[in-house]
Amino acid sequence: MAGAAAHLSPHSGSATRFEANLATRDRRWVKYTLLAVGLSYFALFLLLPLVAVFIEALRKGWETYFAALVEPDALSAIKLTLIAAAISVPLNLVFGIAAAWAIAKFEFPGKHLLITFIDLPFSVSPVVAGLIYVLIFGAHGWFGPWLIDNDIRVIFAIPGIVLATVFVTFPFVARELIPLMQSQGRDEEEAAVTLGASGLQTFWRVTLPNVKWALLYGVILCNARAMGEFGAVSVVSGHIRGETNTMPLHVEILYNEYQFAAAFAVASLLALLALVTLTVKTYIEWRAGLSTAEETSS
């Protein structure tokens, strides 16, 4: 009894108290079983496919690998993917900040409706999103005849690909910022305004520094989805080789033509981009945790 009391005394460390509580202590075999299941799942469904992509991409040697990446259609697909991401990510950055700021800091009619609209791309299939743009801007769509008369191409062209990419990616920045801004409240902004700061000064010097890590995290996720999007872009692109194919679409075409080495070479480039994204994401999470710890200690 004395030993148990010593373990549970307030002078013992938190780790000792945790280990002394039987309700929170598992048997050793349970821990190792759960660890084995988790690692096996990771190896089978995540690590093994990733390794297989690089093995297949390099199966015929480095010369074939680089030849597949510098082929004109591949370069066009890479360029179009970067263009779509370069346009959609800044647009979603501006929208995400504006929407999150409005939702978290103000009360207005239609606030819950706006939140619902932000979540819409999560609940609608990307293929359906692409079909919606075809219905609106296609040759037989609502604005199709007018676009044809004015020689403006949206569907089966870069504008349609950008629109589809914007649609499927716009929740990511807003959804990272809204919970954080709501938890922070409005006290700091109200204090800044009381001290004479304008709305723009309050945003740049108070609001933005408080959410910078969540903002970067949302941008990273948005960019990753933009570069890897397939469904919506596939519907609006028309699969015009060398013109409207992004990298995922180019991989599909090469694979369907039994050009496996080339398909896996381009797929490995997407995988490398994903790994870079994961690395940056991990770094941002680490810096955000470090920043939170510093603020707490101070």
Protein backbone atom coordinates (compact mmCIF):
# COMPACT_ATOMS: atom_id res chain seq x y z
CA MET A 1 0.00 0.00 0.00
CA ALA A 2 2.83 2.37 0.84
CA GLY A 3 4.46 1.66 -2.52
CA ALA A 4 1.21 2.31 -4.36
CA ALA A 5 0.73 5.52 -2.42
CA ALA A 6 4.23 6.60 -3.33
CA HIS A 7 3.51 6.03 -6.99
CA LEU A 8 0.31 8.03 -6.80
CA SER A 9 1.68 10.88 -4.67
CA PRO A 10 1.56 14.36 -6.14
CA HIS A 11 5.36 14.52 -5.96
CA SER A 12 5.76 11.74 -8.55
CA GLY A 13 6.25 12.62 -12.21
CA SER A 14 3.36 12.60 -14.64
CA ALA A 15 4.85 9.62 -16.47
CA THR A 16 4.99 7.62 -13.20
CA ARG A 17 1.39 8.46 -12.39
CA PHE A 18 0.35 7.46 -15.90
CA GLU A 19 2.10 4.09 -15.65
CA ALA A 20 0.59 3.50 -12.21
CA ASN A 21 -2.94 3.85 -13.56
CA LEU A 22 -4.00 0.39 -14.68
CA ALA A 23 -6.84 1.84 -16.74
CA THR A 24 -4.35 3.51 -19.07
CA ARG A 25 -1.74 0.76 -19.20
CA ASP A 26 -2.00 -2.00 -21.82
CA ARG A 27 -0.32 -5.35 -21.82
CA ARG A 28 2.92 -5.53 -23.76
CA TRP A 29 1.48 -7.89 -26.39
CA VAL A 30 -1.38 -5.46 -27.07
CA LYS A 31 1.06 -2.63 -27.77
CA TYR A 32 3.20 -4.72 -30.10
CA THR A 33 0.15 -6.12 -31.90
CA LEU A 34 -1.26 -2.67 -32.57
CA LEU A 35 2.16 -1.46 -33.69
CA ALA A 36 2.55 -4.43 -36.04
CA VAL A 37 -0.90 -3.90 -37.53
CA GLY A 38 -0.22 -0.20 -38.11
CA LEU A 39 3.18 -0.76 -39.68
CA SER A 40 1.88 -3.61 -41.84
CA TYR A 41 -0.96 -1.46 -43.13
CA PHE A 42 1.47 1.37 -43.89
CA ALA A 43 3.90 -0.96 -45.70
CA LEU A 44 1.23 -2.77 -47.71
CA PHE A 45 -1.00 0.10 -48.82
CA LEU A 46 1.33 3.11 -48.82
CA LEU A 47 5.01 2.21 -48.94
CA LEU A 48 4.81 -0.78 -51.32
CA PRO A 49 2.88 1.06 -54.08
CA LEU A 50 5.25 4.01 -53.82
CA VAL A 51 8.31 1.77 -54.15
CA ALA A 52 6.67 -0.09 -57.04
CA VAL A 53 6.20 3.16 -58.96
CA PHE A 54 9.92 3.98 -58.85
CA ILE A 55 10.96 0.39 -59.61
CA GLU A 56 8.76 0.26 -62.70
CA ALA A 57 9.83 3.75 -63.77
CA LEU A 58 13.52 2.74 -63.72
CA ARG A 59 13.08 -0.79 -65.01
CA LYS A 60 14.43 0.10 -68.47
CA GLY A 61 17.18 2.34 -67.19
CA TRP A 62 17.82 6.01 -66.57
CA GLU A 63 18.01 6.86 -70.26
CA THR A 64 14.48 5.64 -70.91
CA TYR A 65 13.33 7.35 -67.73
CA PHE A 66 14.62 10.80 -68.67
CA ALA A 67 13.51 10.36 -72.28
CA ALA A 68 9.93 9.88 -71.06
CA LEU A 69 10.10 13.07 -69.00
CA VAL A 70 11.52 15.30 -71.75
CA GLU A 71 9.19 14.02 -74.44
CA PRO A 72 7.15 16.97 -75.86
CA ASP A 73 3.76 15.67 -74.69
CA ALA A 74 5.14 15.04 -71.21
CA LEU A 75 6.63 18.53 -71.02
CA SER A 76 3.30 19.98 -72.14
CA ALA A 77 1.49 18.00 -69.43
CA ILE A 78 3.97 19.16 -66.77
CA LYS A 79 3.64 22.77 -67.92
CA LEU A 80 -0.17 22.65 -67.89
CA THR A 81 -0.21 21.07 -64.43
CA LEU A 82 2.00 23.84 -63.08
CA ILE A 83 -0.11 26.52 -64.79
CA ALA A 84 -3.34 25.16 -63.30
CA ALA A 85 -1.76 25.02 -59.84
CA ALA A 86 -0.16 28.46 -60.20
CA ILE A 87 -3.56 30.02 -60.96
CA SER A 88 -5.87 28.03 -58.69
CA VAL A 89 -3.74 28.12 -55.52
CA PRO A 90 -3.43 31.95 -55.28
CA LEU A 91 -7.15 32.31 -56.05
CA ASN A 92 -8.04 29.86 -53.31
CA LEU A 93 -5.56 31.57 -50.99
CA VAL A 94 -7.36 34.90 -51.35
CA PHE A 95 -10.80 33.31 -51.11
CA GLY A 96 -9.83 31.14 -48.14
CA ILE A 97 -8.47 34.06 -46.13
CA ALA A 98 -11.47 36.27 -46.92
CA ALA A 99 -14.01 33.53 -46.15
CA ALA A 100 -12.30 32.42 -42.95
CA TRP A 101 -11.92 36.00 -41.71
CA ALA A 102 -15.58 36.77 -42.41
CA ILE A 103 -16.87 33.56 -40.82
CA ALA A 104 -14.65 33.63 -37.73
CA LYS A 105 -14.68 37.34 -36.94
CA PHE A 106 -18.14 38.59 -38.00
CA GLU A 107 -21.82 37.70 -37.78
CA PHE A 108 -23.89 38.13 -40.95
CA PRO A 109 -26.94 36.62 -42.67
CA GLY A 110 -26.08 33.52 -44.69
CA LYS A 111 -23.02 32.63 -42.62
CA HIS A 112 -23.97 28.97 -42.26
CA LEU A 113 -24.89 28.81 -45.94
CA LEU A 114 -21.40 30.05 -46.82
CA ILE A 115 -19.85 27.31 -44.66
CA THR A 116 -21.99 24.75 -46.47
CA PHE A 117 -20.83 26.03 -49.85
CA ILE A 118 -17.21 25.82 -48.74
CA ASP A 119 -17.69 22.13 -47.91
CA LEU A 120 -19.51 21.41 -51.19
CA PRO A 121 -16.48 20.11 -53.14
CA PHE A 122 -15.89 17.55 -50.38
CA SER A 123 -19.35 16.06 -50.93
CA VAL A 124 -19.62 16.33 -54.72
CA SER A 125 -17.76 13.89 -56.95
CA PRO A 126 -15.04 15.62 -59.03
CA VAL A 127 -16.54 14.02 -62.14
CA VAL A 128 -19.87 15.68 -61.37
CA ALA A 129 -18.06 19.00 -60.92
CA GLY A 130 -16.52 18.60 -64.37
CA LEU A 131 -19.91 17.78 -65.88
CA ILE A 132 -21.36 20.93 -64.32
CA TYR A 133 -18.82 23.06 -66.19
CA VAL A 134 -19.56 21.19 -69.41
CA LEU A 135 -23.27 21.92 -68.87
CA ILE A 136 -22.55 25.62 -68.36
CA PHE A 137 -19.74 26.31 -70.85
CA GLY A 138 -19.96 23.40 -73.31
CA ALA A 139 -21.03 23.75 -76.94
CA HIS A 140 -24.62 22.87 -76.01
CA GLY A 141 -24.48 24.45 -72.55
CA TRP A 142 -26.02 27.60 -71.21
CA PHE A 143 -23.27 29.92 -72.45
CA GLY A 144 -21.91 27.64 -75.16
CA PRO A 145 -23.44 29.38 -78.22
CA TRP A 146 -22.33 32.81 -77.01
CA LEU A 147 -18.79 31.56 -76.36
CA ILE A 148 -18.63 30.00 -79.82
CA ASP A 149 -19.88 33.20 -81.48
CA ASN A 150 -17.16 35.18 -79.70
CA ASP A 151 -14.44 32.56 -80.34
CA ILE A 152 -13.88 31.91 -76.65
CA ARG A 153 -12.88 28.42 -75.57
CA VAL A 154 -13.49 27.26 -72.01
CA ILE A 155 -14.22 23.55 -72.22
CA PHE A 156 -11.42 21.46 -73.79
CA ALA A 157 -9.05 24.35 -73.10
CA ILE A 158 -6.93 25.76 -70.29
CA PRO A 159 -9.72 27.95 -68.76
CA GLY A 160 -11.93 24.89 -68.19
CA ILE A 161 -9.05 23.00 -66.57
CA VAL A 162 -8.33 25.95 -64.27
CA LEU A 163 -12.01 26.30 -63.33
CA ALA A 164 -12.28 22.61 -62.49
CA THR A 165 -9.09 22.75 -60.44
CA VAL A 166 -10.28 25.81 -58.54
CA PHE A 167 -13.57 24.10 -57.70
CA VAL A 168 -12.05 20.93 -56.24
CA THR A 169 -9.35 22.76 -54.26
CA PHE A 170 -11.00 25.86 -52.83
CA PRO A 171 -12.05 24.38 -49.44
CA PHE A 172 -8.52 23.52 -48.29
CA VAL A 173 -7.23 26.95 -47.23
CA ALA A 174 -10.52 28.08 -45.72
CA ARG A 175 -11.01 24.84 -43.81
CA GLU A 176 -7.56 25.13 -42.22
CA LEU A 177 -8.11 28.74 -41.15
CA ILE A 178 -11.72 28.76 -39.93
CA PRO A 179 -11.32 26.56 -36.80
CA LEU A 180 -8.10 28.33 -35.78
CA MET A 181 -9.54 31.81 -36.19
CA GLN A 182 -12.68 30.82 -34.29
CA SER A 183 -10.64 29.42 -31.40
CA GLN A 184 -8.53 32.60 -31.23
CA GLY A 185 -11.57 34.82 -30.94
CA ARG A 186 -11.71 38.53 -31.69
CA ASP A 187 -10.07 40.03 -28.61
CA GLU A 188 -6.73 40.89 -30.24
CA GLU A 189 -8.38 42.45 -33.31
CA GLU A 190 -10.74 44.50 -31.16
CA ALA A 191 -7.81 45.69 -29.04
CA ALA A 192 -5.90 46.73 -32.15
CA VAL A 193 -8.88 48.68 -33.49
CA THR A 194 -9.34 50.33 -30.10
CA LEU A 195 -5.70 51.48 -30.23
CA GLY A 196 -6.33 53.12 -33.60
CA ALA A 197 -5.28 50.47 -36.12
CA SER A 198 -7.17 50.36 -39.40
CA GLY A 199 -8.79 47.19 -40.68
CA LEU A 200 -5.91 46.50 -43.06
CA GLN A 201 -3.30 47.12 -40.36
CA THR A 202 -5.17 44.80 -38.01
CA PHE A 203 -5.19 42.08 -40.63
CA TRP A 204 -1.49 42.34 -41.55
CA ARG A 205 -0.10 42.82 -38.04
CA VAL A 206 -2.50 40.82 -35.86
CA THR A 207 -4.66 38.33 -37.75
CA LEU A 208 -2.21 37.07 -40.37
CA PRO A 209 0.76 36.41 -38.01
CA ASN A 210 -1.52 34.38 -35.75
CA VAL A 211 -2.59 32.03 -38.57
CA LYS A 212 0.53 31.93 -40.74
CA TRP A 213 1.35 28.24 -40.10
CA ALA A 214 -2.21 27.07 -40.71
CA LEU A 215 -2.27 29.23 -43.84
CA LEU A 216 0.91 27.64 -45.20
CA TYR A 217 -0.45 24.20 -44.33
CA GLY A 218 -3.65 24.89 -46.27
CA VAL A 219 -1.70 26.19 -49.26
CA ILE A 220 0.44 23.03 -49.31
CA LEU A 221 -2.62 20.78 -49.29
CA CYS A 222 -4.32 22.92 -51.94
CA ASN A 223 -1.29 22.75 -54.22
CA ALA A 224 -0.98 18.98 -53.79
CA ARG A 225 -4.62 18.45 -54.75
CA ALA A 226 -4.32 20.84 -57.69
CA MET A 227 -1.40 18.95 -59.20
CA GLY A 228 -2.92 15.52 -58.62
CA GLU A 229 -6.54 16.18 -59.62
CA PHE A 230 -7.88 13.74 -62.20
CA GLY A 231 -11.69 13.39 -62.24
CA ALA A 232 -12.90 16.94 -62.84
CA VAL A 233 -10.00 17.82 -65.14
CA SER A 234 -10.54 14.64 -67.16
CA VAL A 235 -14.11 15.68 -67.99
CA VAL A 236 -13.32 19.23 -69.12
CA SER A 237 -9.96 18.63 -70.81
CA GLY A 238 -11.02 16.59 -73.83
CA HIS A 239 -7.76 14.59 -73.55
CA ILE A 240 -6.12 16.54 -76.36
CA ARG A 241 -2.59 15.24 -76.38
CA GLY A 242 0.05 17.93 -76.02
CA GLU A 243 -2.59 20.60 -75.33
CA THR A 244 -5.06 19.82 -72.54
CA ASN A 245 -3.53 16.84 -70.76
CA THR A 246 -2.23 17.37 -67.25
CA MET A 247 0.25 14.95 -65.70
CA PRO A 248 -2.36 12.53 -64.27
CA LEU A 249 -4.18 12.43 -67.62
CA HIS A 250 -0.90 11.90 -69.47
CA VAL A 251 -0.10 8.94 -67.21
CA GLU A 252 -3.47 7.39 -68.03
CA ILE A 253 -2.97 7.76 -71.78
CA LEU A 254 0.52 6.26 -71.67
CA TYR A 255 -0.67 3.34 -69.57
CA ASN A 256 -3.61 2.65 -71.89
CA GLU A 257 -1.15 2.61 -74.81
CA TYR A 258 0.98 0.01 -72.97
CA GLN A 259 3.88 2.46 -72.61
CA PHE A 260 4.40 1.31 -69.06
CA ALA A 261 7.92 2.66 -68.54
CA ALA A 262 6.92 6.14 -69.69
CA ALA A 263 3.69 6.05 -67.66
CA PHE A 264 5.52 5.12 -64.47
CA ALA A 265 8.22 7.70 -65.18
CA VAL A 266 5.67 10.53 -65.21
CA ALA A 267 3.88 8.93 -62.25
CA SER A 268 7.17 8.90 -60.33
CA LEU A 269 7.44 12.65 -60.88
CA LEU A 270 4.02 13.07 -59.29
CA ALA A 271 5.15 10.81 -56.46
CA LEU A 272 8.25 12.96 -55.95
CA LEU A 273 6.07 16.06 -55.78
CA ALA A 274 3.93 14.28 -53.19
CA LEU A 275 6.99 13.42 -51.12
CA VAL A 276 8.20 17.02 -51.27
CA THR A 277 4.74 18.15 -50.21
CA LEU A 278 4.79 15.70 -47.31
CA THR A 279 8.22 16.95 -46.23
CA VAL A 280 7.14 20.59 -46.30
CA LYS A 281 3.92 19.68 -44.49
CA THR A 282 5.87 17.90 -41.73
CA TYR A 283 8.20 20.87 -41.38
CA ILE A 284 5.28 23.28 -41.09
CA GLU A 285 3.63 21.10 -38.45
CA TRP A 286 6.91 21.01 -36.51
CA ARG A 287 7.36 24.78 -36.70
CA ALA A 288 3.73 25.34 -35.72
CA GLY A 289 4.12 23.08 -32.69
CA LEU A 290 7.38 24.80 -31.76
CA SER A 291 5.76 28.21 -32.08
CA THR A 292 2.82 27.12 -29.91
CA ALA A 293 5.18 25.74 -27.26
CA GLU A 294 7.15 29.02 -27.19
CA GLU A 295 3.98 31.07 -26.82
CA THR A 296 2.75 28.79 -24.02
CA SER A 297 6.06 28.99 -22.13
CA SER A 298 6.17 32.74 -22.46
